[in-house]
Amino acid sequence: MRRCSRSGADTGVTTTSDVLHGHPADRILDYADDRDIDLVGLGTHGRSGIDRFVMGSVAETVLGRAKIPVLTVRDLSEEE
């Protein structure tokens, strides 16, 4: 998170990060709405199939319900 915040600051983009408690998708969407956020950036594990069905997907829920752009980034170093 710090690296992303520094990268944004280096390019003149204001970034925000906070730790919130509750249902992740709801909290992210409420946070963005309450603070007039322009873009939500989310990391994703890139699960598919039964893993996504069983575990759910915060990113997928946010993507489906957000009224603003959502940028998802997959960490390729997690690949096996």
Foldseek 3Di string as FASTA:
>chain_A
DVVVCVVCVVVVHHDDDDDDDDDVLVVQQVVCVVVVNAEAEEEFQPDDDPVCVVVPGSLVSNVVPHPHYYHYDYDPVPPD
